[in-house]
Structure formats: structure tokens, C-alpha cells
Amino acid sequence: MQYPAKFEKDGDFILVTFRDLPEAITQGDNEDDAKFMARDVLALTMGVYFDEKRIVPRPSAPKRGEVLIDLPISISAKALLLNRMLEEKVGPSELARRMETSPQEINRLIDLRHTSKIDRIEQALGALGKHLELVVV
């Protein structure tokens, strides 16, 4: 998942904002620093959505002048899983039942602080009627 970001010169800094995630705002001393900070704030913002069990907005198409900021694949996969669970109104207990596992494992799959195997996230999405595809571009 790549989110379009707007980089604007603001005094001595470069201000970075995201149309799709208005709460994600950061700044950098230069363009490289601003990109680094943008990736960081993007991951931190995902944490807020996960903690509040809110649907993570999908990235929109970039507009002219915007910079695409990558979300790490592990966070992207977890966001897709969380979104599907919320859309289908399937809680950890129900998904655990479908996967014949424990609710604790499901809670770890939707916890950004916990490392999860991509295969297990794929299996969870399968239990929700979806499959995960990775594309190399």
C-alpha cells in the first residue's frame, strides 16, 4: 500500500500531510528527512486505527505533485485483515473458530507490535473469503 503525501516548504522545514489520513502530519529538515519521517508517521497512524479498531482508509490515486509513501508489507497485510474483519463484523473469537485456533492468535495477527507470519495472515483472510496477492512492480 502506498499513500500519496503532499510535501510543502514551511519555513525551514518540509511539512508532510496525507489526504487519506488527515491525522498523519510530520515534517523534515530536507526532502530525504521528510520521506523518512513520512514513513514513520504513516506506521504510527496505522497503530491508532488498529488500537481504535477503525477501518484503515485505502490509499487514493496520487495527484500531481504528491509523493507516494510505502507502508511496510507486514502492516499492509494486517490492515487488509483488520479491514475485512471490521467490514464483515467478525471478531477475533469468530475468526479463531473458523481457523481452529485461539482468539489470542487472532489478536496477535491484528497487533502491529507483534510480528506475524505472512502465511498466517493469508490463512486468516482465506477464512474471511479473501486471498492475499503480492505483486512485484
N, C-alpha and C. Protein backbone atom coordinates (compact mmCIF):
# COMPACT_ATOMS: atom_id res chain seq x y z
N MET A 1 0.85 -1.17 0.00
CA MET A 1 0.00 0.00 0.00
C MET A 1 0.90 1.23 0.00
N GLN A 2 0.58 2.16 -0.87
CA GLN A 2 1.33 3.40 -0.97
C GLN A 2 0.35 4.56 -0.81
N TYR A 3 0.64 5.43 0.13
CA TYR A 3 -0.22 6.57 0.39
C TYR A 3 0.38 7.84 -0.21
N PRO A 4 -0.44 8.61 -0.94
CA PRO A 4 0.07 9.86 -1.50
C PRO A 4 0.23 10.91 -0.40
N ALA A 5 1.37 11.58 -0.44
CA ALA A 5 1.68 12.60 0.55
C ALA A 5 2.01 13.92 -0.16
N LYS A 6 1.63 15.00 0.49
CA LYS A 6 1.92 16.33 -0.03
C LYS A 6 3.10 16.88 0.76
N PHE A 7 4.14 17.31 0.06
CA PHE A 7 5.31 17.92 0.68
C PHE A 7 5.27 19.41 0.37
N GLU A 8 5.26 20.22 1.44
CA GLU A 8 5.21 21.68 1.28
C GLU A 8 6.31 22.33 2.10
N LYS A 9 7.00 23.26 1.49
CA LYS A 9 8.02 24.02 2.21
C LYS A 9 7.31 24.90 3.24
N ASP A 10 7.74 24.84 4.49
CA ASP A 10 7.13 25.60 5.58
C ASP A 10 8.27 26.19 6.42
N GLY A 11 8.74 27.35 6.02
CA GLY A 11 9.87 27.96 6.72
C GLY A 11 11.13 27.15 6.45
N ASP A 12 11.77 26.70 7.51
CA ASP A 12 13.00 25.91 7.40
C ASP A 12 12.72 24.42 7.25
N PHE A 13 11.46 24.02 7.23
CA PHE A 13 11.10 22.62 7.22
C PHE A 13 10.27 22.28 5.99
N ILE A 14 10.11 20.98 5.77
CA ILE A 14 9.18 20.48 4.76
C ILE A 14 8.05 19.79 5.51
N LEU A 15 6.85 20.33 5.37
CA LEU A 15 5.65 19.79 6.01
C LEU A 15 5.09 18.66 5.14
N VAL A 16 4.74 17.54 5.77
CA VAL A 16 4.19 16.39 5.05
C VAL A 16 2.79 16.09 5.59
N THR A 17 1.81 16.01 4.68
CA THR A 17 0.44 15.65 5.06
C THR A 17 -0.07 14.58 4.09
N PHE A 18 -1.08 13.85 4.55
CA PHE A 18 -1.69 12.78 3.77
C PHE A 18 -3.18 13.05 3.63
N ARG A 19 -3.68 13.12 2.40
CA ARG A 19 -5.11 13.33 2.16
C ARG A 19 -5.96 12.22 2.76
N ASP A 20 -5.50 10.98 2.64
CA ASP A 20 -6.28 9.83 3.08
C ASP A 20 -6.25 9.63 4.59
N LEU A 21 -5.25 10.19 5.24
CA LEU A 21 -5.06 10.04 6.69
C LEU A 21 -4.78 11.41 7.28
N PRO A 22 -5.83 12.22 7.48
CA PRO A 22 -5.61 13.61 7.91
C PRO A 22 -4.88 13.75 9.25
N GLU A 23 -4.90 12.71 10.07
CA GLU A 23 -4.21 12.78 11.35
C GLU A 23 -2.72 12.54 11.22
N ALA A 24 -2.26 12.12 10.05
CA ALA A 24 -0.84 11.86 9.82
C ALA A 24 -0.18 13.13 9.29
N ILE A 25 0.55 13.80 10.15
CA ILE A 25 1.25 15.04 9.80
C ILE A 25 2.65 14.97 10.40
N THR A 26 3.64 15.35 9.60
CA THR A 26 5.01 15.37 10.11
C THR A 26 5.80 16.41 9.34
N GLN A 27 7.07 16.49 9.64
CA GLN A 27 7.94 17.42 8.93
C GLN A 27 9.36 16.88 8.92
N GLY A 28 10.15 17.41 8.00
CA GLY A 28 11.55 17.03 7.92
C GLY A 28 12.40 18.23 7.59
N ASP A 29 13.70 18.09 7.85
CA ASP A 29 14.63 19.19 7.58
C ASP A 29 14.89 19.36 6.08
N ASN A 30 14.81 18.25 5.34
CA ASN A 30 15.01 18.27 3.90
C ASN A 30 14.12 17.16 3.31
N GLU A 31 14.18 16.98 2.00
CA GLU A 31 13.27 16.02 1.38
C GLU A 31 13.52 14.59 1.86
N ASP A 32 14.78 14.18 1.97
CA ASP A 32 15.08 12.82 2.45
C ASP A 32 14.59 12.62 3.87
N ASP A 33 14.83 13.60 4.72
CA ASP A 33 14.37 13.52 6.11
C ASP A 33 12.84 13.49 6.15
N ALA A 34 12.20 14.30 5.31
CA ALA A 34 10.74 14.35 5.26
C ALA A 34 10.17 13.00 4.83
N LYS A 35 10.81 12.32 3.87
CA LYS A 35 10.35 10.99 3.44
C LYS A 35 10.50 9.98 4.57
N PHE A 36 11.62 10.04 5.28
CA PHE A 36 11.84 9.14 6.41
C PHE A 36 10.78 9.36 7.48
N MET A 37 10.53 10.62 7.81
CA MET A 37 9.54 10.96 8.82
C MET A 37 8.13 10.59 8.35
N ALA A 38 7.86 10.71 7.05
CA ALA A 38 6.55 10.35 6.49
C ALA A 38 6.28 8.86 6.67
N ARG A 39 7.29 8.03 6.42
CA ARG A 39 7.12 6.58 6.61
C ARG A 39 6.84 6.27 8.08
N ASP A 40 7.56 6.96 8.94
CA ASP A 40 7.39 6.75 10.38
C ASP A 40 5.99 7.15 10.85
N VAL A 41 5.53 8.33 10.45
CA VAL A 41 4.21 8.79 10.90
C VAL A 41 3.11 7.94 10.28
N LEU A 42 3.34 7.43 9.09
CA LEU A 42 2.36 6.55 8.46
C LEU A 42 2.17 5.28 9.29
N ALA A 43 3.26 4.68 9.71
CA ALA A 43 3.18 3.47 10.55
C ALA A 43 2.55 3.79 11.90
N LEU A 44 2.90 4.91 12.50
CA LEU A 44 2.32 5.30 13.79
C LEU A 44 0.82 5.54 13.66
N THR A 45 0.40 6.14 12.56
CA THR A 45 -1.02 6.41 12.34
C THR A 45 -1.79 5.10 12.19
N MET A 46 -1.19 4.13 11.53
CA MET A 46 -1.83 2.82 11.42
C MET A 46 -2.09 2.25 12.82
N GLY A 47 -1.15 2.46 13.72
CA GLY A 47 -1.32 1.99 15.09
C GLY A 47 -2.56 2.56 15.75
N VAL A 48 -2.86 3.82 15.47
CA VAL A 48 -4.06 4.46 16.03
C VAL A 48 -5.31 3.77 15.48
N TYR A 49 -5.35 3.54 14.18
CA TYR A 49 -6.50 2.87 13.58
C TYR A 49 -6.69 1.48 14.17
N PHE A 50 -5.59 0.76 14.35
CA PHE A 50 -5.66 -0.59 14.90
C PHE A 50 -6.13 -0.56 16.36
N ASP A 51 -5.54 0.33 17.16
CA ASP A 51 -5.91 0.41 18.57
C ASP A 51 -7.39 0.76 18.75
N GLU A 52 -7.91 1.62 17.86
CA GLU A 52 -9.30 2.05 17.94
C GLU A 52 -10.24 1.15 17.14
N LYS A 53 -9.69 0.10 16.53
CA LYS A 53 -10.48 -0.84 15.71
C LYS A 53 -11.32 -0.09 14.68
N ARG A 54 -10.64 0.81 13.95
CA ARG A 54 -11.28 1.59 12.88
C ARG A 54 -10.78 1.09 11.54
N ILE A 55 -11.63 1.15 10.53
CA ILE A 55 -11.24 0.76 9.18
C ILE A 55 -10.12 1.69 8.70
N VAL A 56 -9.06 1.09 8.19
CA VAL A 56 -7.93 1.84 7.64
C VAL A 56 -8.31 2.28 6.23
N PRO A 57 -8.30 3.59 5.96
CA PRO A 57 -8.65 4.05 4.61
C PRO A 57 -7.68 3.51 3.57
N ARG A 58 -8.23 3.11 2.43
CA ARG A 58 -7.39 2.66 1.32
C ARG A 58 -6.69 3.89 0.73
N PRO A 59 -5.48 3.72 0.22
CA PRO A 59 -4.81 4.86 -0.42
C PRO A 59 -5.52 5.24 -1.72
N SER A 60 -5.66 6.53 -1.93
CA SER A 60 -6.26 7.01 -3.17
C SER A 60 -5.17 7.20 -4.22
N ALA A 61 -5.59 7.43 -5.44
CA ALA A 61 -4.63 7.66 -6.52
C ALA A 61 -3.91 8.98 -6.25
N PRO A 62 -2.61 9.02 -6.52
CA PRO A 62 -1.87 10.26 -6.27
C PRO A 62 -2.30 11.36 -7.23
N LYS A 63 -2.25 12.57 -6.71
CA LYS A 63 -2.49 13.76 -7.52
C LYS A 63 -1.14 14.33 -7.93
N ARG A 64 -1.18 15.20 -8.88
CA ARG A 64 0.05 15.82 -9.39
C ARG A 64 0.83 16.47 -8.24
N GLY A 65 2.11 16.16 -8.18
CA GLY A 65 2.98 16.74 -7.18
C GLY A 65 3.06 15.97 -5.87
N GLU A 66 2.21 14.97 -5.70
CA GLU A 66 2.26 14.18 -4.46
C GLU A 66 3.33 13.10 -4.57
N VAL A 67 3.83 12.70 -3.42
CA VAL A 67 4.86 11.66 -3.32
C VAL A 67 4.22 10.42 -2.70
N LEU A 68 4.48 9.25 -3.28
CA LEU A 68 3.94 8.02 -2.72
C LEU A 68 4.86 7.51 -1.61
N ILE A 69 4.25 7.23 -0.46
CA ILE A 69 4.99 6.73 0.70
C ILE A 69 4.53 5.29 0.94
N ASP A 70 5.49 4.37 0.94
CA ASP A 70 5.20 2.95 1.13
C ASP A 70 4.89 2.63 2.58
N LEU A 71 3.90 1.79 2.75
CA LEU A 71 3.60 1.20 4.04
C LEU A 71 4.26 -0.18 4.03
N PRO A 72 5.00 -0.55 5.07
CA PRO A 72 5.63 -1.88 5.06
C PRO A 72 4.60 -2.97 4.77
N ILE A 73 5.03 -4.01 4.04
CA ILE A 73 4.13 -5.08 3.61
C ILE A 73 3.44 -5.76 4.79
N SER A 74 4.17 -5.91 5.90
CA SER A 74 3.56 -6.56 7.06
C SER A 74 2.40 -5.74 7.61
N ILE A 75 2.57 -4.43 7.64
CA ILE A 75 1.49 -3.56 8.13
C ILE A 75 0.35 -3.53 7.11
N SER A 76 0.69 -3.49 5.83
CA SER A 76 -0.35 -3.51 4.79
C SER A 76 -1.23 -4.75 4.90
N ALA A 77 -0.60 -5.91 5.06
CA ALA A 77 -1.36 -7.16 5.15
C ALA A 77 -2.24 -7.16 6.39
N LYS A 78 -1.71 -6.69 7.51
CA LYS A 78 -2.51 -6.64 8.74
C LYS A 78 -3.67 -5.65 8.59
N ALA A 79 -3.44 -4.54 7.88
CA ALA A 79 -4.51 -3.56 7.66
C ALA A 79 -5.62 -4.17 6.82
N LEU A 80 -5.25 -4.94 5.80
CA LEU A 80 -6.27 -5.60 4.97
C LEU A 80 -7.07 -6.59 5.80
N LEU A 81 -6.40 -7.31 6.69
CA LEU A 81 -7.09 -8.27 7.56
C LEU A 81 -8.03 -7.54 8.52
N LEU A 82 -7.53 -6.52 9.19
CA LEU A 82 -8.37 -5.76 10.12
C LEU A 82 -9.59 -5.19 9.41
N ASN A 83 -9.38 -4.59 8.24
CA ASN A 83 -10.49 -4.01 7.50
C ASN A 83 -11.54 -5.07 7.17
N ARG A 84 -11.09 -6.22 6.71
CA ARG A 84 -12.04 -7.28 6.36
C ARG A 84 -12.83 -7.74 7.58
N MET A 85 -12.14 -7.89 8.71
CA MET A 85 -12.83 -8.29 9.93
C MET A 85 -13.88 -7.26 10.32
N LEU A 86 -13.54 -5.99 10.24
CA LEU A 86 -14.48 -4.93 10.61
C LEU A 86 -15.65 -4.86 9.62
N GLU A 87 -15.35 -4.99 8.33
CA GLU A 87 -16.40 -4.94 7.31
C GLU A 87 -17.39 -6.10 7.47
N GLU A 88 -16.87 -7.26 7.80
CA GLU A 88 -17.71 -8.45 7.94
C GLU A 88 -18.27 -8.61 9.36
N LYS A 89 -17.86 -7.70 10.26
CA LYS A 89 -18.28 -7.76 11.66
C LYS A 89 -17.92 -9.12 12.29
N VAL A 90 -16.70 -9.56 11.99
CA VAL A 90 -16.18 -10.81 12.53
C VAL A 90 -15.12 -10.47 13.57
N GLY A 91 -15.37 -10.85 14.81
CA GLY A 91 -14.43 -10.59 15.88
C GLY A 91 -13.36 -11.67 15.96
N PRO A 92 -12.37 -11.46 16.83
CA PRO A 92 -11.30 -12.44 16.98
C PRO A 92 -11.80 -13.84 17.36
N SER A 93 -12.81 -13.92 18.21
CA SER A 93 -13.32 -15.24 18.62
C SER A 93 -13.91 -16.00 17.45
N GLU A 94 -14.71 -15.32 16.63
CA GLU A 94 -15.33 -15.98 15.48
C GLU A 94 -14.27 -16.37 14.45
N LEU A 95 -13.32 -15.50 14.19
CA LEU A 95 -12.26 -15.83 13.23
C LEU A 95 -11.42 -16.99 13.76
N ALA A 96 -11.16 -16.99 15.05
CA ALA A 96 -10.41 -18.10 15.67
C ALA A 96 -11.17 -19.42 15.49
N ARG A 97 -12.48 -19.38 15.67
CA ARG A 97 -13.29 -20.59 15.49
C ARG A 97 -13.18 -21.09 14.05
N ARG A 98 -13.26 -20.16 13.09
CA ARG A 98 -13.17 -20.55 11.68
C ARG A 98 -11.80 -21.14 11.33
N MET A 99 -10.77 -20.66 12.01
CA MET A 99 -9.40 -21.11 11.72
C MET A 99 -8.95 -22.23 12.65
N GLU A 100 -9.82 -22.61 13.58
CA GLU A 100 -9.50 -23.63 14.57
C GLU A 100 -8.23 -23.27 15.34
N THR A 101 -8.25 -22.07 15.88
CA THR A 101 -7.13 -21.58 16.69
C THR A 101 -7.70 -20.78 17.86
N SER A 102 -6.85 -20.06 18.56
CA SER A 102 -7.30 -19.29 19.72
C SER A 102 -7.53 -17.82 19.36
N PRO A 103 -8.43 -17.16 20.07
CA PRO A 103 -8.62 -15.71 19.86
C PRO A 103 -7.32 -14.93 20.11
N GLN A 104 -6.47 -15.44 20.99
CA GLN A 104 -5.20 -14.76 21.27
C GLN A 104 -4.33 -14.70 20.01
N GLU A 105 -4.33 -15.77 19.23
CA GLU A 105 -3.55 -15.75 17.99
C GLU A 105 -4.10 -14.71 17.03
N ILE A 106 -5.41 -14.61 16.94
CA ILE A 106 -6.02 -13.62 16.05
C ILE A 106 -5.68 -12.22 16.54
N ASN A 107 -5.74 -12.01 17.85
CA ASN A 107 -5.38 -10.69 18.38
C ASN A 107 -3.93 -10.33 18.03
N ARG A 108 -3.05 -11.32 18.00
CA ARG A 108 -1.66 -11.06 17.61
C ARG A 108 -1.57 -10.71 16.13
N LEU A 109 -2.42 -11.33 15.32
CA LEU A 109 -2.41 -11.04 13.88
C LEU A 109 -2.83 -9.60 13.58
N ILE A 110 -3.64 -9.02 14.45
CA ILE A 110 -4.09 -7.64 14.22
C ILE A 110 -3.43 -6.68 15.21
N ASP A 111 -2.26 -7.05 15.70
CA ASP A 111 -1.47 -6.21 16.59
C ASP A 111 -0.19 -5.82 15.85
N LEU A 112 -0.02 -4.54 15.61
CA LEU A 112 1.15 -4.08 14.86
C LEU A 112 2.45 -4.26 15.64
N ARG A 113 2.35 -4.41 16.94
CA ARG A 113 3.55 -4.58 17.75
C ARG A 113 4.04 -6.03 17.75
N HIS A 114 3.24 -6.92 17.20
CA HIS A 114 3.58 -8.34 17.18
C HIS A 114 3.97 -8.75 15.76
N THR A 115 5.07 -9.46 15.64
CA THR A 115 5.49 -9.98 14.34
C THR A 115 4.65 -11.20 13.99
N SER A 116 4.08 -11.19 12.80
CA SER A 116 3.24 -12.30 12.34
C SER A 116 3.77 -12.82 11.02
N LYS A 117 3.62 -14.11 10.81
CA LYS A 117 3.99 -14.70 9.53
C LYS A 117 2.94 -14.33 8.50
N ILE A 118 3.41 -13.93 7.33
CA ILE A 118 2.50 -13.53 6.26
C ILE A 118 1.59 -14.69 5.86
N ASP A 119 2.09 -15.92 5.97
CA ASP A 119 1.27 -17.09 5.64
C ASP A 119 0.04 -17.17 6.55
N ARG A 120 0.22 -16.84 7.81
CA ARG A 120 -0.89 -16.92 8.76
C ARG A 120 -1.91 -15.81 8.49
N ILE A 121 -1.43 -14.64 8.11
CA ILE A 121 -2.35 -13.55 7.73
C ILE A 121 -3.14 -13.96 6.50
N GLU A 122 -2.47 -14.60 5.55
CA GLU A 122 -3.13 -15.11 4.34
C GLU A 122 -4.21 -16.13 4.71
N GLN A 123 -3.92 -17.01 5.64
CA GLN A 123 -4.91 -18.00 6.08
C GLN A 123 -6.11 -17.33 6.74
N ALA A 124 -5.84 -16.30 7.53
CA ALA A 124 -6.94 -15.58 8.18
C ALA A 124 -7.83 -14.90 7.14
N LEU A 125 -7.22 -14.29 6.14
CA LEU A 125 -8.00 -13.68 5.07
C LEU A 125 -8.80 -14.74 4.32
N GLY A 126 -8.21 -15.91 4.14
CA GLY A 126 -8.93 -17.01 3.49
C GLY A 126 -10.16 -17.42 4.27
N ALA A 127 -10.04 -17.42 5.59
CA ALA A 127 -11.19 -17.76 6.44
C ALA A 127 -12.28 -16.70 6.35
N LEU A 128 -11.93 -15.53 5.82
CA LEU A 128 -12.90 -14.46 5.61
C LEU A 128 -13.33 -14.35 4.15
N GLY A 129 -12.95 -15.36 3.36
CA GLY A 129 -13.38 -15.41 1.96
C GLY A 129 -12.53 -14.59 1.01
N LYS A 130 -11.34 -14.21 1.41
CA LYS A 130 -10.44 -13.42 0.56
C LYS A 130 -9.11 -14.13 0.44
N HIS A 131 -8.32 -13.72 -0.53
CA HIS A 131 -6.96 -14.22 -0.62
C HIS A 131 -6.01 -13.03 -0.80
N LEU A 132 -4.80 -13.23 -0.36
CA LEU A 132 -3.78 -12.19 -0.39
C LEU A 132 -2.91 -12.38 -1.61
N GLU A 133 -2.71 -11.31 -2.38
CA GLU A 133 -1.84 -11.36 -3.55
C GLU A 133 -0.71 -10.36 -3.36
N LEU A 134 0.49 -10.77 -3.70
CA LEU A 134 1.63 -9.88 -3.71
C LEU A 134 2.03 -9.69 -5.16
N VAL A 135 2.35 -8.46 -5.52
CA VAL A 135 2.73 -8.15 -6.88
C VAL A 135 4.07 -7.42 -6.85
N VAL A 136 4.97 -7.83 -7.69
CA VAL A 136 6.25 -7.15 -7.80
C VAL A 136 6.13 -6.19 -8.99
N VAL A 137 6.43 -4.93 -8.74
CA VAL A 137 6.36 -3.92 -9.80
C VAL A 137 7.70 -3.24 -9.99
